[in-house]
C-alpha cells in the first residue's frame, strides 16, 4: 500500500468514532499492537527530542525500504507513534520524504493533543523524515 492509501485508511477508521474518548481508546489499542523496538535500540540516539514522554524510534533499511520500530513509556504517545509507524514503515525513503502529513489534521489529532504532545508529534515526524533523508542519501 502507498503512504497515501494507508493515510486514507486511518482517516476512515477515525471517522467511525463519534467522540474523542473513543478515538483515544482506539489509539491506545493501536499502541498495544505496535511492533516493539528491540531493547538494544532503546538508547539516547533513538530517543525523540522534544517529547514529553520517552519515545524511541529505530529505522533499518531492508530491500531499499525503511522498516521502523518504536516504543514509548506513555500509552497515548505509543498510540501516536503506532499510527506514524503504520504509515511510514515499509516505504521507500523518497516516498517518506515527499509524504504529506495532512492526514494528522484530517483526523483532528493535533488539535486534541496537549501542546507538549503536539510538539512531540512534530518531533516524531521530523525524526522519521530525517531517517528517510539519511537512507535516501545512502541509496543515491
N, C-alpha and C. Protein backbone atom coordinates (compact mmCIF):
# COMPACT_ATOMS: atom_id res chain seq x y z
N UNK A 1 0.83 -1.20 0.00
CA UNK A 1 0.00 0.00 0.00
C UNK A 1 0.87 1.25 0.00
N UNK A 2 0.38 2.27 -0.65
CA UNK A 2 1.13 3.53 -0.66
C UNK A 2 0.88 4.27 0.65
N UNK A 3 1.72 5.25 0.92
CA UNK A 3 1.55 6.07 2.13
C UNK A 3 0.18 6.73 2.11
N UNK A 4 -0.19 7.27 0.96
CA UNK A 4 -1.48 7.96 0.82
C UNK A 4 -2.65 7.00 1.12
N UNK A 5 -2.58 5.79 0.62
CA UNK A 5 -3.65 4.81 0.85
C UNK A 5 -3.77 4.46 2.34
N UNK A 6 -2.63 4.31 2.99
CA UNK A 6 -2.65 4.00 4.43
C UNK A 6 -3.24 5.18 5.20
N UNK A 7 -2.84 6.39 4.82
CA UNK A 7 -3.38 7.59 5.49
C UNK A 7 -4.89 7.67 5.33
N UNK A 8 -5.40 7.37 4.13
CA UNK A 8 -6.85 7.41 3.89
C UNK A 8 -7.56 6.34 4.71
N UNK A 9 -6.92 5.20 4.86
CA UNK A 9 -7.47 4.11 5.68
C UNK A 9 -7.60 4.57 7.14
N UNK A 10 -6.57 5.25 7.63
CA UNK A 10 -6.58 5.75 9.02
C UNK A 10 -7.66 6.82 9.19
N UNK A 11 -7.79 7.71 8.22
CA UNK A 11 -8.84 8.75 8.26
C UNK A 11 -10.21 8.09 8.36
N UNK A 12 -10.43 7.05 7.54
CA UNK A 12 -11.70 6.32 7.57
C UNK A 12 -11.94 5.65 8.92
N UNK A 13 -10.91 5.06 9.48
CA UNK A 13 -11.03 4.40 10.78
C UNK A 13 -11.42 5.41 11.86
N UNK A 14 -10.76 6.56 11.88
CA UNK A 14 -11.05 7.57 12.90
C UNK A 14 -12.44 8.17 12.71
N UNK A 15 -12.92 8.19 11.47
CA UNK A 15 -14.25 8.74 11.18
C UNK A 15 -15.36 7.86 11.76
N UNK A 16 -15.05 6.61 12.05
CA UNK A 16 -16.06 5.69 12.59
C UNK A 16 -16.43 6.02 14.04
N UNK A 17 -15.56 6.77 14.72
CA UNK A 17 -15.81 7.06 16.13
C UNK A 17 -16.53 8.38 16.30
N UNK A 18 -17.46 8.40 17.26
CA UNK A 18 -18.28 9.58 17.49
C UNK A 18 -17.57 10.66 18.29
N UNK A 19 -16.73 10.26 19.21
CA UNK A 19 -16.09 11.28 20.06
C UNK A 19 -14.62 10.95 20.30
N UNK A 20 -13.96 11.91 20.95
CA UNK A 20 -12.52 11.76 21.14
C UNK A 20 -12.16 10.73 22.19
N UNK A 21 -13.02 10.44 23.12
CA UNK A 21 -12.71 9.38 24.09
C UNK A 21 -12.56 8.05 23.36
N UNK A 22 -13.46 7.79 22.41
CA UNK A 22 -13.37 6.55 21.63
C UNK A 22 -12.10 6.53 20.77
N UNK A 23 -11.74 7.69 20.24
CA UNK A 23 -10.53 7.77 19.41
C UNK A 23 -9.28 7.53 20.26
N UNK A 24 -9.27 8.10 21.47
CA UNK A 24 -8.13 7.86 22.37
C UNK A 24 -8.02 6.37 22.70
N UNK A 25 -9.16 5.74 22.97
CA UNK A 25 -9.16 4.30 23.27
C UNK A 25 -8.62 3.51 22.08
N UNK A 26 -9.01 3.94 20.88
CA UNK A 26 -8.53 3.28 19.67
C UNK A 26 -7.02 3.46 19.53
N UNK A 27 -6.54 4.66 19.82
CA UNK A 27 -5.10 4.92 19.75
C UNK A 27 -4.34 4.06 20.75
N UNK A 28 -4.90 3.88 21.93
CA UNK A 28 -4.27 3.03 22.94
C UNK A 28 -4.19 1.59 22.42
N UNK A 29 -5.27 1.13 21.78
CA UNK A 29 -5.27 -0.21 21.18
C UNK A 29 -4.19 -0.33 20.09
N UNK A 30 -4.09 0.71 19.26
CA UNK A 30 -3.06 0.71 18.21
C UNK A 30 -1.68 0.62 18.84
N UNK A 31 -1.49 1.34 19.93
CA UNK A 31 -0.21 1.32 20.63
C UNK A 31 0.16 -0.07 21.12
N UNK A 32 -0.85 -0.83 21.52
CA UNK A 32 -0.60 -2.20 22.00
C UNK A 32 -0.15 -3.12 20.88
N UNK A 33 -0.53 -2.78 19.65
CA UNK A 33 -0.15 -3.63 18.51
C UNK A 33 1.12 -3.15 17.81
N UNK A 34 1.76 -2.16 18.38
CA UNK A 34 2.98 -1.60 17.80
C UNK A 34 4.09 -2.65 17.74
N UNK A 35 4.75 -2.77 16.56
CA UNK A 35 5.91 -3.69 16.51
C UNK A 35 6.98 -3.15 17.45
N UNK A 36 7.26 -3.90 18.50
CA UNK A 36 8.12 -3.38 19.55
C UNK A 36 9.59 -3.27 19.14
N UNK A 37 10.16 -2.21 19.58
CA UNK A 37 11.57 -1.95 19.33
C UNK A 37 12.40 -2.91 20.18
N UNK A 38 13.48 -3.40 19.63
CA UNK A 38 14.38 -4.27 20.38
C UNK A 38 15.02 -3.45 21.50
N UNK A 39 15.15 -4.04 22.67
CA UNK A 39 15.71 -3.33 23.84
C UNK A 39 17.04 -2.66 23.53
N UNK A 40 17.84 -3.26 22.66
CA UNK A 40 19.16 -2.70 22.35
C UNK A 40 19.06 -1.34 21.64
N UNK A 41 17.89 -1.03 21.09
CA UNK A 41 17.71 0.26 20.40
C UNK A 41 17.08 1.33 21.28
N UNK A 42 16.79 0.98 22.52
CA UNK A 42 16.25 1.97 23.46
C UNK A 42 17.41 2.78 24.03
N UNK A 43 18.02 3.55 23.15
CA UNK A 43 19.19 4.35 23.52
C UNK A 43 18.87 5.83 23.33
N UNK A 44 19.74 6.67 23.85
CA UNK A 44 19.56 8.11 23.69
C UNK A 44 19.59 8.52 22.22
N UNK A 45 20.33 7.77 21.40
CA UNK A 45 20.40 8.08 19.96
C UNK A 45 19.04 7.95 19.29
N UNK A 46 18.23 7.01 19.77
CA UNK A 46 16.92 6.76 19.16
C UNK A 46 15.78 7.46 19.89
N UNK A 47 16.12 8.19 20.94
CA UNK A 47 15.11 8.92 21.71
C UNK A 47 14.69 10.16 20.94
N UNK A 48 13.39 10.40 20.83
CA UNK A 48 12.89 11.57 20.12
C UNK A 48 13.03 12.79 21.03
N UNK A 49 13.75 13.78 20.55
CA UNK A 49 13.91 15.01 21.33
C UNK A 49 12.64 15.85 21.17
N UNK A 50 12.22 16.49 22.24
CA UNK A 50 11.03 17.35 22.15
C UNK A 50 9.75 16.65 22.57
N UNK A 51 9.87 15.40 23.01
CA UNK A 51 8.69 14.68 23.50
C UNK A 51 8.65 14.75 25.02
N UNK A 52 7.46 14.93 25.53
CA UNK A 52 7.25 14.96 26.98
C UNK A 52 7.54 13.59 27.58
N UNK A 53 7.05 12.55 26.93
CA UNK A 53 7.31 11.19 27.39
C UNK A 53 8.48 10.65 26.57
N UNK A 54 8.96 9.49 26.97
CA UNK A 54 10.06 8.88 26.23
C UNK A 54 9.51 8.14 25.03
N UNK A 55 10.07 8.43 23.87
CA UNK A 55 9.70 7.75 22.63
C UNK A 55 10.99 7.39 21.90
N UNK A 56 11.10 6.11 21.59
CA UNK A 56 12.26 5.65 20.82
C UNK A 56 11.77 5.22 19.45
N UNK A 57 12.50 5.63 18.41
CA UNK A 57 12.19 5.20 17.05
C UNK A 57 13.49 4.69 16.43
N UNK A 58 13.42 3.49 15.90
CA UNK A 58 14.59 2.89 15.25
C UNK A 58 14.22 2.60 13.79
N UNK A 59 15.18 2.81 12.91
CA UNK A 59 14.94 2.58 11.48
C UNK A 59 16.03 1.69 10.91
N UNK A 60 15.60 0.79 10.03
CA UNK A 60 16.54 -0.07 9.30
C UNK A 60 16.13 -0.11 7.85
N UNK A 61 17.11 -0.20 6.99
CA UNK A 61 16.82 -0.32 5.56
C UNK A 61 16.79 -1.79 5.18
N UNK A 62 15.66 -2.24 4.63
CA UNK A 62 15.52 -3.63 4.17
C UNK A 62 14.92 -3.60 2.78
N UNK A 63 15.64 -4.15 1.82
CA UNK A 63 15.18 -4.15 0.41
C UNK A 63 14.84 -2.73 -0.06
N UNK A 64 15.69 -1.79 0.29
CA UNK A 64 15.55 -0.38 -0.10
C UNK A 64 14.33 0.33 0.51
N UNK A 65 13.67 -0.34 1.46
CA UNK A 65 12.56 0.28 2.17
C UNK A 65 12.96 0.43 3.64
N UNK A 66 12.39 1.43 4.29
CA UNK A 66 12.71 1.64 5.70
C UNK A 66 11.68 0.93 6.57
N UNK A 67 12.19 0.16 7.51
CA UNK A 67 11.34 -0.53 8.48
C UNK A 67 11.57 0.15 9.83
N UNK A 68 10.49 0.66 10.39
CA UNK A 68 10.57 1.36 11.67
C UNK A 68 10.03 0.47 12.79
N UNK A 69 10.66 0.58 13.94
CA UNK A 69 10.11 0.02 15.18
C UNK A 69 10.16 1.14 16.20
N UNK A 70 9.29 1.06 17.20
CA UNK A 70 9.23 2.15 18.16
C UNK A 70 8.65 1.67 19.48
N UNK A 71 8.78 2.52 20.48
CA UNK A 71 8.14 2.27 21.77
C UNK A 71 8.04 3.59 22.50
N UNK A 72 7.18 3.61 23.50
CA UNK A 72 7.03 4.79 24.35
C UNK A 72 6.64 4.33 25.74
N UNK A 73 6.94 5.18 26.72
CA UNK A 73 6.57 4.85 28.09
C UNK A 73 5.19 5.40 28.45
N UNK A 74 4.52 6.04 27.49
CA UNK A 74 3.18 6.60 27.73
C UNK A 74 2.20 5.98 26.72
N UNK A 75 1.02 5.58 27.20
CA UNK A 75 0.10 4.82 26.34
C UNK A 75 -0.45 5.62 25.16
N UNK A 76 -0.80 6.88 25.38
CA UNK A 76 -1.32 7.70 24.26
C UNK A 76 -0.21 7.93 23.23
N UNK A 77 0.97 8.26 23.74
CA UNK A 77 2.11 8.52 22.85
C UNK A 77 2.45 7.27 22.05
N UNK A 78 2.34 6.13 22.68
CA UNK A 78 2.59 4.86 22.00
C UNK A 78 1.59 4.69 20.84
N UNK A 79 0.35 5.10 21.06
CA UNK A 79 -0.66 5.05 20.01
C UNK A 79 -0.35 6.00 18.87
N UNK A 80 0.15 7.18 19.22
CA UNK A 80 0.51 8.18 18.19
C UNK A 80 1.65 7.64 17.32
N UNK A 81 2.68 7.14 17.98
CA UNK A 81 3.82 6.63 17.21
C UNK A 81 3.42 5.39 16.41
N UNK A 82 2.46 4.60 16.92
CA UNK A 82 1.98 3.43 16.18
C UNK A 82 1.33 3.85 14.86
N UNK A 83 0.58 4.95 14.89
CA UNK A 83 -0.04 5.47 13.67
C UNK A 83 1.05 5.87 12.66
N UNK A 84 2.06 6.59 13.14
CA UNK A 84 3.14 7.04 12.25
C UNK A 84 3.92 5.86 11.68
N UNK A 85 4.18 4.85 12.51
CA UNK A 85 4.91 3.66 12.05
C UNK A 85 4.08 2.94 10.98
N UNK A 86 2.78 2.84 11.22
CA UNK A 86 1.91 2.18 10.25
C UNK A 86 1.96 2.89 8.89
N UNK A 87 2.00 4.21 8.91
CA UNK A 87 2.03 4.99 7.68
C UNK A 87 3.38 4.89 6.97
N UNK A 88 4.46 5.01 7.74
CA UNK A 88 5.78 5.19 7.11
C UNK A 88 6.67 3.94 7.05
N UNK A 89 6.36 2.90 7.82
CA UNK A 89 7.21 1.71 7.78
C UNK A 89 6.98 0.93 6.49
N UNK A 90 8.04 0.29 6.01
CA UNK A 90 8.00 -0.49 4.76
C UNK A 90 7.71 0.39 3.55
N UNK A 91 8.22 1.61 3.59
CA UNK A 91 8.08 2.52 2.45
C UNK A 91 9.48 2.93 1.98
N UNK A 92 9.55 3.39 0.75
CA UNK A 92 10.82 3.86 0.20
C UNK A 92 11.17 5.22 0.81
N UNK A 93 12.47 5.45 1.08
CA UNK A 93 12.88 6.74 1.66
C UNK A 93 12.33 7.95 0.90
N UNK A 94 12.42 7.89 -0.44
CA UNK A 94 11.95 9.01 -1.27
C UNK A 94 10.46 9.30 -1.00
N UNK A 95 9.65 8.25 -0.88
CA UNK A 95 8.22 8.41 -0.65
C UNK A 95 7.95 9.02 0.74
N UNK A 96 8.76 8.63 1.72
CA UNK A 96 8.60 9.17 3.08
C UNK A 96 8.95 10.66 3.08
N UNK A 97 10.05 10.99 2.40
CA UNK A 97 10.49 12.40 2.34
C UNK A 97 9.41 13.27 1.70
N UNK A 98 8.81 12.75 0.62
CA UNK A 98 7.81 13.53 -0.13
C UNK A 98 6.41 13.47 0.47
N UNK A 99 6.22 12.59 1.45
CA UNK A 99 4.87 12.37 2.00
C UNK A 99 4.33 13.61 2.71
N UNK A 100 3.05 13.77 2.51
CA UNK A 100 2.30 14.84 3.13
C UNK A 100 1.76 14.28 4.45
N UNK A 101 1.71 15.09 5.49
CA UNK A 101 1.19 14.59 6.77
C UNK A 101 -0.12 15.29 7.16
N UNK A 102 -0.85 15.76 6.18
CA UNK A 102 -2.14 16.43 6.44
C UNK A 102 -3.16 15.50 7.08
N UNK A 103 -2.97 14.19 6.91
CA UNK A 103 -3.93 13.25 7.49
C UNK A 103 -4.05 13.44 9.01
N UNK A 104 -2.99 13.92 9.63
CA UNK A 104 -3.00 14.17 11.08
C UNK A 104 -4.04 15.25 11.42
N UNK A 105 -4.08 16.28 10.58
CA UNK A 105 -5.11 17.32 10.77
C UNK A 105 -6.49 16.78 10.40
N UNK A 106 -6.53 15.95 9.36
CA UNK A 106 -7.81 15.38 8.91
C UNK A 106 -8.49 14.54 9.99
N UNK A 107 -7.70 13.82 10.79
CA UNK A 107 -8.31 13.03 11.87
C UNK A 107 -8.46 13.86 13.14
N UNK A 108 -7.98 15.11 13.10
CA UNK A 108 -8.15 16.02 14.25
C UNK A 108 -7.20 15.73 15.39
N UNK A 109 -6.14 14.99 15.10
CA UNK A 109 -5.24 14.57 16.17
C UNK A 109 -4.54 15.74 16.84
N UNK A 110 -3.93 16.60 16.03
CA UNK A 110 -3.12 17.68 16.60
C UNK A 110 -3.92 18.57 17.53
N UNK A 111 -5.16 18.89 17.13
CA UNK A 111 -5.98 19.80 17.95
C UNK A 111 -6.47 19.16 19.24
N UNK A 112 -6.40 17.82 19.34
CA UNK A 112 -6.85 17.14 20.56
C UNK A 112 -5.69 16.68 21.44
N UNK A 113 -4.50 17.19 21.13
CA UNK A 113 -3.33 16.86 21.96
C UNK A 113 -2.94 18.08 22.76
N UNK A 114 -2.32 17.84 23.90
CA UNK A 114 -1.78 18.96 24.67
C UNK A 114 -0.64 19.57 23.84
N UNK A 115 -0.29 20.83 24.09
CA UNK A 115 0.79 21.46 23.31
C UNK A 115 2.09 20.65 23.34
N UNK A 116 2.41 20.07 24.49
CA UNK A 116 3.66 19.29 24.56
C UNK A 116 3.57 18.01 23.73
N UNK A 117 2.39 17.36 23.73
CA UNK A 117 2.23 16.16 22.90
C UNK A 117 2.23 16.52 21.41
N UNK A 118 1.62 17.66 21.08
CA UNK A 118 1.61 18.11 19.68
C UNK A 118 3.04 18.38 19.21
N UNK A 119 3.85 18.99 20.08
CA UNK A 119 5.27 19.21 19.75
C UNK A 119 5.99 17.88 19.56
N UNK A 120 5.67 16.92 20.42
CA UNK A 120 6.27 15.60 20.32
C UNK A 120 5.91 14.93 19.01
N UNK A 121 4.66 15.09 18.59
CA UNK A 121 4.20 14.53 17.31
C UNK A 121 5.02 15.10 16.16
N UNK A 122 5.20 16.42 16.16
CA UNK A 122 6.00 17.09 15.13
C UNK A 122 7.44 16.56 15.16
N UNK A 123 7.98 16.37 16.37
CA UNK A 123 9.35 15.84 16.51
C UNK A 123 9.46 14.42 15.97
N UNK A 124 8.43 13.59 16.21
CA UNK A 124 8.44 12.21 15.70
C UNK A 124 8.47 12.21 14.17
N UNK A 125 7.61 13.03 13.57
CA UNK A 125 7.56 13.11 12.10
C UNK A 125 8.90 13.59 11.55
N UNK A 126 9.45 14.61 12.21
CA UNK A 126 10.73 15.17 11.77
C UNK A 126 11.81 14.09 11.81
N UNK A 127 11.83 13.29 12.88
CA UNK A 127 12.84 12.24 13.02
C UNK A 127 12.66 11.16 11.95
N UNK A 128 11.43 10.77 11.69
CA UNK A 128 11.15 9.77 10.65
C UNK A 128 11.64 10.28 9.30
N UNK A 129 11.38 11.55 9.02
CA UNK A 129 11.82 12.14 7.74
C UNK A 129 13.36 12.23 7.70
N UNK A 130 13.99 12.50 8.85
CA UNK A 130 15.46 12.57 8.90
C UNK A 130 16.08 11.20 8.58
N UNK A 131 15.48 10.14 9.14
CA UNK A 131 15.94 8.78 8.81
C UNK A 131 15.82 8.56 7.30
N UNK A 132 14.69 8.97 6.74
CA UNK A 132 14.46 8.77 5.30
C UNK A 132 15.50 9.52 4.46
N UNK A 133 15.81 10.74 4.87
CA UNK A 133 16.81 11.54 4.14
C UNK A 133 18.18 10.84 4.21
N UNK A 134 18.53 10.36 5.41
CA UNK A 134 19.81 9.67 5.58
C UNK A 134 19.89 8.42 4.70
N UNK A 135 18.84 7.63 4.69
CA UNK A 135 18.85 6.41 3.87
C UNK A 135 18.79 6.72 2.39
N UNK A 136 18.05 7.76 2.00
CA UNK A 136 17.98 8.15 0.59
C UNK A 136 19.37 8.54 0.10
N UNK A 137 20.12 9.24 0.94
CA UNK A 137 21.49 9.66 0.60
C UNK A 137 22.38 8.42 0.36
N UNK A 138 22.19 7.39 1.19
CA UNK A 138 22.96 6.15 1.02
C UNK A 138 22.61 5.44 -0.29
N UNK A 139 21.34 5.53 -0.68
CA UNK A 139 20.90 4.84 -1.89
C UNK A 139 21.37 5.51 -3.17
N UNK A 140 21.57 6.82 -3.09
CA UNK A 140 21.96 7.57 -4.30
C UNK A 140 23.39 7.28 -4.71
